[in-house]
C-alpha atoms as a PDB file:
ATOM      1  CA  UNK A   1     140.042 135.216  86.898  1.00  0.00           C
ATOM      2  CA  UNK A   2     138.451 138.346  85.451  1.00  0.00           C
ATOM      3  CA  UNK A   3     134.794 137.816  84.701  1.00  0.00           C
ATOM      4  CA  UNK A   4     133.893 138.514  81.111  1.00  0.00           C
ATOM      5  CA  UNK A   5     131.077 140.951  80.160  1.00  0.00           C
ATOM      6  CA  UNK A   6     128.662 141.245  77.490  1.00  0.00           C
ATOM      7  CA  UNK A   7     127.555 144.670  76.230  1.00  0.00           C
ATOM      8  CA  UNK A   8     123.771 144.764  76.022  1.00  0.00           C
ATOM      9  CA  UNK A   9     121.256 147.531  75.383  1.00  0.00           C
ATOM     10  CA  UNK A  10     117.737 148.156  76.544  1.00  0.00           C
ATOM     11  CA  UNK A  11     115.317 146.713  73.947  1.00  0.00           C
ATOM     12  CA  UNK A  12     112.191 148.070  75.227  1.00  0.00           C
ATOM     13  CA  UNK A  13     110.355 149.100  78.403  1.00  0.00           C
ATOM     14  CA  UNK A  14     106.941 147.785  78.870  1.00  0.00           C
ATOM     15  CA  UNK A  15     104.366 148.343  81.958  1.00  0.00           C
ATOM     16  CA  UNK A  16     103.622 144.987  83.766  1.00  0.00           C
ATOM     17  CA  UNK A  17     101.415 144.233  86.671  1.00  0.00           C
ATOM     18  CA  UNK A  18     103.768 145.180  89.223  1.00  0.00           C
ATOM     19  CA  UNK A  19     105.664 148.070  87.559  1.00  0.00           C
ATOM     20  CA  UNK A  20     107.495 147.799  84.363  1.00  0.00           C
ATOM     21  CA  UNK A  21     109.388 145.140  82.547  1.00  0.00           C
ATOM     22  CA  UNK A  22     112.767 146.211  81.117  1.00  0.00           C
ATOM     23  CA  UNK A  23     113.964 143.806  78.301  1.00  0.00           C
ATOM     24  CA  UNK A  24     117.805 143.888  78.100  1.00  0.00           C
ATOM     25  CA  UNK A  25     119.846 142.035  75.863  1.00  0.00           C
ATOM     26  CA  UNK A  26     121.550 141.781  72.375  1.00  0.00           C
ATOM     27  CA  UNK A  27     120.450 140.458  68.995  1.00  0.00           C
ATOM     28  CA  UNK A  28     121.130 136.920  70.216  1.00  0.00           C
ATOM     29  CA  UNK A  29     119.455 137.125  73.536  1.00  0.00           C
ATOM     30  CA  UNK A  30     117.056 139.149  75.684  1.00  0.00           C
ATOM     31  CA  UNK A  31     116.237 138.912  79.416  1.00  0.00           C
ATOM     32  CA  UNK A  32     113.728 140.729  81.667  1.00  0.00           C
ATOM     33  CA  UNK A  33     114.397 142.628  84.695  1.00  0.00           C
ATOM     34  CA  UNK A  34     111.203 143.649  86.594  1.00  0.00           C
ATOM     35  CA  UNK A  35     111.384 147.196  88.334  1.00  0.00           C
ATOM     36  CA  UNK A  36     109.003 149.341  90.320  1.00  0.00           C
ATOM     37  CA  UNK A  37     106.811 151.916  89.054  1.00  0.00           C
ATOM     38  CA  UNK A  38     108.903 154.856  90.133  1.00  0.00           C
ATOM     39  CA  UNK A  39     112.140 153.824  88.454  1.00  0.00           C
ATOM     40  CA  UNK A  40     110.452 152.050  85.550  1.00  0.00           C
ATOM     41  CA  UNK A  41     108.648 155.417  84.578  1.00  0.00           C
ATOM     42  CA  UNK A  42     112.325 157.022  84.633  1.00  0.00           C
ATOM     43  CA  UNK A  43     113.667 154.425  82.517  1.00  0.00           C
ATOM     44  CA  UNK A  44     110.868 154.540  79.996  1.00  0.00           C
ATOM     45  CA  UNK A  45     110.976 158.291  79.780  1.00  0.00           C
ATOM     46  CA  UNK A  46     114.980 158.295  79.266  1.00  0.00           C
ATOM     47  CA  UNK A  47     114.729 155.259  76.854  1.00  0.00           C
ATOM     48  CA  UNK A  48     112.252 157.118  74.602  1.00  0.00           C
ATOM     49  CA  UNK A  49     113.885 160.588  75.328  1.00  0.00           C
ATOM     50  CA  UNK A  50     111.117 162.265  76.669  1.00  0.00           C
ATOM     51  CA  UNK A  51     111.636 165.480  78.474  1.00  0.00           C
ATOM     52  CA  UNK A  52     110.950 165.868  82.353  1.00  0.00           C
ATOM     53  CA  UNK A  53     109.399 168.775  83.618  1.00  0.00           C
ATOM     54  CA  UNK A  54     111.243 168.710  86.855  1.00  0.00           C
ATOM     55  CA  UNK A  55     114.479 166.847  87.886  1.00  0.00           C
ATOM     56  CA  UNK A  56     113.599 163.026  88.939  1.00  0.00           C
ATOM     57  CA  UNK A  57     115.748 161.461  91.536  1.00  0.00           C
ATOM     58  CA  UNK A  58     118.093 160.160  88.955  1.00  0.00           C
ATOM     59  CA  UNK A  59     118.505 163.700  87.457  1.00  0.00           C
ATOM     60  CA  UNK A  60     119.460 164.916  90.897  1.00  0.00           C
ATOM     61  CA  UNK A  61     122.121 162.441  91.353  1.00  0.00           C
ATOM     62  CA  UNK A  62     123.665 163.012  87.872  1.00  0.00           C
ATOM     63  CA  UNK A  63     123.514 166.764  88.645  1.00  0.00           C
ATOM     64  CA  UNK A  64     125.601 166.249  91.683  1.00  0.00           C
ATOM     65  CA  UNK A  65     127.897 163.868  90.094  1.00  0.00           C
ATOM     66  CA  UNK A  66     128.579 166.518  87.355  1.00  0.00           C
ATOM     67  CA  UNK A  67     129.106 169.312  90.089  1.00  0.00           C
ATOM     68  CA  UNK A  68     131.708 167.026  91.734  1.00  0.00           C
ATOM     69  CA  UNK A  69     133.467 166.394  88.285  1.00  0.00           C
ATOM     70  CA  UNK A  70     132.173 162.841  87.973  1.00  0.00           C
ATOM     71  CA  UNK A  71     130.410 160.767  85.612  1.00  0.00           C
ATOM     72  CA  UNK A  72     129.014 157.281  85.025  1.00  0.00           C
ATOM     73  CA  UNK A  73     131.448 155.268  83.055  1.00  0.00           C
ATOM     74  CA  UNK A  74     129.485 152.129  82.864  1.00  0.00           C
ATOM     75  CA  UNK A  75     126.856 149.914  84.670  1.00  0.00           C
ATOM     76  CA  UNK A  76     127.355 146.246  85.216  1.00  0.00           C
ATOM     77  CA  UNK A  77     124.737 143.640  86.084  1.00  0.00           C
ATOM     78  CA  UNK A  78     126.932 141.328  87.920  1.00  0.00           C
ATOM     79  CA  UNK A  79     124.939 138.655  89.679  1.00  0.00           C
ATOM     80  CA  UNK A  80     121.646 137.156  90.043  1.00  0.00           C
ATOM     81  CA  UNK A  81     120.403 135.316  93.267  1.00  0.00           C
ATOM     82  CA  UNK A  82     116.889 133.807  93.675  1.00  0.00           C
ATOM     83  CA  UNK A  83     115.543 136.049  90.879  1.00  0.00           C
ATOM     84  CA  UNK A  84     117.110 139.175  92.285  1.00  0.00           C
ATOM     85  CA  UNK A  85     119.508 141.031  89.953  1.00  0.00           C
ATOM     86  CA  UNK A  86     122.562 142.744  91.450  1.00  0.00           C
ATOM     87  CA  UNK A  87     124.585 145.697  89.770  1.00  0.00           C
ATOM     88  CA  UNK A  88     127.565 147.867  90.021  1.00  0.00           C
ATOM     89  CA  UNK A  89     128.043 151.257  88.764  1.00  0.00           C
ATOM     90  CA  UNK A  90     131.600 152.398  87.573  1.00  0.00           C
ATOM     91  CA  UNK A  91     132.023 156.189  88.184  1.00  0.00           C
ATOM     92  CA  UNK A  92     135.115 158.341  87.240  1.00  0.00           C
ATOM     93  CA  UNK A  93     135.830 161.680  89.210  1.00  0.00           C
ATOM     94  CA  UNK A  94     138.368 164.105  88.345  1.00  0.00           C
ATOM     95  CA  UNK A  95     139.466 166.760  90.816  1.00  0.00           C
ATOM     96  CA  UNK A  96     140.880 170.214  90.052  1.00  0.00           C
ATOM     97  CA  UNK A  97     144.368 168.849  90.106  1.00  0.00           C
ATOM     98  CA  UNK A  98     143.339 166.403  87.407  1.00  0.00           C
ATOM     99  CA  UNK A  99     143.728 163.426  89.668  1.00  0.00           C
ATOM    100  CA  UNK A 100     141.388 160.657  88.451  1.00  0.00           C
ATOM    101  CA  UNK A 101     139.610 158.355  90.541  1.00  0.00           C
ATOM    102  CA  UNK A 102     137.610 155.291  89.629  1.00  0.00           C
ATOM    103  CA  UNK A 103     134.658 154.290  92.045  1.00  0.00           C
ATOM    104  CA  UNK A 104     132.682 150.989  92.008  1.00  0.00           C
ATOM    105  CA  UNK A 105     129.498 151.326  93.551  1.00  0.00           C
ATOM    106  CA  UNK A 106     126.850 148.689  94.610  1.00  0.00           C
ATOM    107  CA  UNK A 107     123.400 149.831  93.108  1.00  0.00           C
ATOM    108  CA  UNK A 108     120.216 148.275  92.009  1.00  0.00           C
ATOM    109  CA  UNK A 109     120.164 147.099  88.337  1.00  0.00           C
ATOM    110  CA  UNK A 110     117.043 149.389  87.807  1.00  0.00           C
ATOM    111  CA  UNK A 111     118.958 152.623  89.161  1.00  0.00           C
ATOM    112  CA  UNK A 112     122.153 151.625  87.087  1.00  0.00           C
ATOM    113  CA  UNK A 113     120.203 151.214  84.022  1.00  0.00           C
ATOM    114  CA  UNK A 114     118.524 154.478  84.465  1.00  0.00           C
ATOM    115  CA  UNK A 115     121.724 156.414  85.034  1.00  0.00           C
ATOM    116  CA  UNK A 116     123.683 154.711  82.518  1.00  0.00           C
ATOM    117  CA  UNK A 117     120.853 155.775  79.716  1.00  0.00           C
ATOM    118  CA  UNK A 118     120.927 159.207  81.114  1.00  0.00           C
ATOM    119  CA  UNK A 119     124.668 159.631  80.323  1.00  0.00           C
ATOM    120  CA  UNK A 120     124.590 157.309  77.299  1.00  0.00           C
ATOM    121  CA  UNK A 121     127.068 155.064  79.356  1.00  0.00           C
ATOM    122  CA  UNK A 122     127.348 151.342  78.420  1.00  0.00           C
ATOM    123  CA  UNK A 123     125.518 148.600  80.148  1.00  0.00           C
ATOM    124  CA  UNK A 124     127.100 145.106  80.551  1.00  0.00           C
ATOM    125  CA  UNK A 125     126.315 141.835  81.863  1.00  0.00           C
ATOM    126  CA  UNK A 126     128.646 139.361  83.281  1.00  0.00           C
ATOM    127  CA  UNK A 127     129.009 136.217  81.499  1.00  0.00           C
ATOM    128  CA  UNK A 128     127.859 134.343  84.375  1.00  0.00           C
ATOM    129  CA  UNK A 129     124.595 136.169  84.716  1.00  0.00           C
ATOM    130  CA  UNK A 130     123.935 136.057  80.919  1.00  0.00           C
ATOM    131  CA  UNK A 131     124.448 132.088  80.917  1.00  0.00           C
ATOM    132  CA  UNK A 132     121.904 131.873  83.791  1.00  0.00           C
ATOM    133  CA  UNK A 133     119.198 134.107  82.520  1.00  0.00           C
ATOM    134  CA  UNK A 134     116.387 132.772  80.402  1.00  0.00           C
ATOM    135  CA  UNK A 135     116.209 133.904  76.744  1.00  0.00           C
ATOM    136  CA  UNK A 136     113.021 136.145  76.409  1.00  0.00           C
ATOM    137  CA  UNK A 137     113.477 136.890  72.688  1.00  0.00           C
ATOM    138  CA  UNK A 138     110.498 134.996  71.582  1.00  0.00           C
ATOM    139  CA  UNK A 139     108.320 136.852  74.179  1.00  0.00           C
ATOM    140  CA  UNK A 140     109.870 140.223  73.023  1.00  0.00           C
ATOM    141  CA  UNK A 141     109.006 139.281  69.299  1.00  0.00           C
ATOM    142  CA  UNK A 142     105.429 138.195  70.052  1.00  0.00           C
ATOM    143  CA  UNK A 143     104.907 141.623  72.047  1.00  0.00           C
ATOM    144  CA  UNK A 144     106.208 143.613  69.204  1.00  0.00           C
ATOM    145  CA  UNK A 145     104.378 141.913  66.663  1.00  0.00           C
ATOM    146  CA  UNK A 146     101.152 143.549  67.430  1.00  0.00           C
ATOM    147  CA  UNK A 147      97.845 143.716  69.379  1.00  0.00           C
ATOM    148  CA  UNK A 148      96.408 141.076  71.395  1.00  0.00           C
ATOM    149  CA  UNK A 149     100.046 140.080  72.831  1.00  0.00           C
ATOM    150  CA  UNK A 150     100.107 139.416  76.431  1.00  0.00           C
ATOM    151  CA  UNK A 151     101.547 141.689  79.172  1.00  0.00           C
ATOM    152  CA  UNK A 152     104.564 140.780  80.798  1.00  0.00           C
ATOM    153  CA  UNK A 153     104.069 139.723  84.595  1.00  0.00           C
ATOM    154  CA  UNK A 154     106.953 139.694  86.823  1.00  0.00           C
ATOM    155  CA  UNK A 155     107.012 137.595  90.024  1.00  0.00           C
ATOM    156  CA  UNK A 156     108.659 140.352  92.005  1.00  0.00           C
ATOM    157  CA  UNK A 157     110.349 143.810  91.842  1.00  0.00           C
ATOM    158  CA  UNK A 158     114.167 144.403  91.415  1.00  0.00           C
END
């Protein structure tokens, strides 16, 4: 049986006590993935469309993919185990003979999100993960409603 997926978007990226809180979801439901400082900064810059003075690690990886005739097709957050998320990157590559190859690579959700954002590729969550995560829509609304809202504080980095 093929696992169903739900397309999500990055709703916001906020600093947290241990790095960044990446709010992911739809109009119906939002959940949070806590990421480390480095990749959180990259995601925040990509999300806000801020220019980077020099290529970051994700930029380097994308430059190599481009040079090889490949691109990120989509990112899928496909599992969660003891508060740790797992993801897969789907990459398509075409060689000079126009032979197309699809690669599926295990990756951290934070890297997958950064790479998908950089190439405007869709981000998906499996229905299994979607059903398991806690809805944080109320927290996001509280944060967006103005000053004095509490900063998210994640238990661990992913």
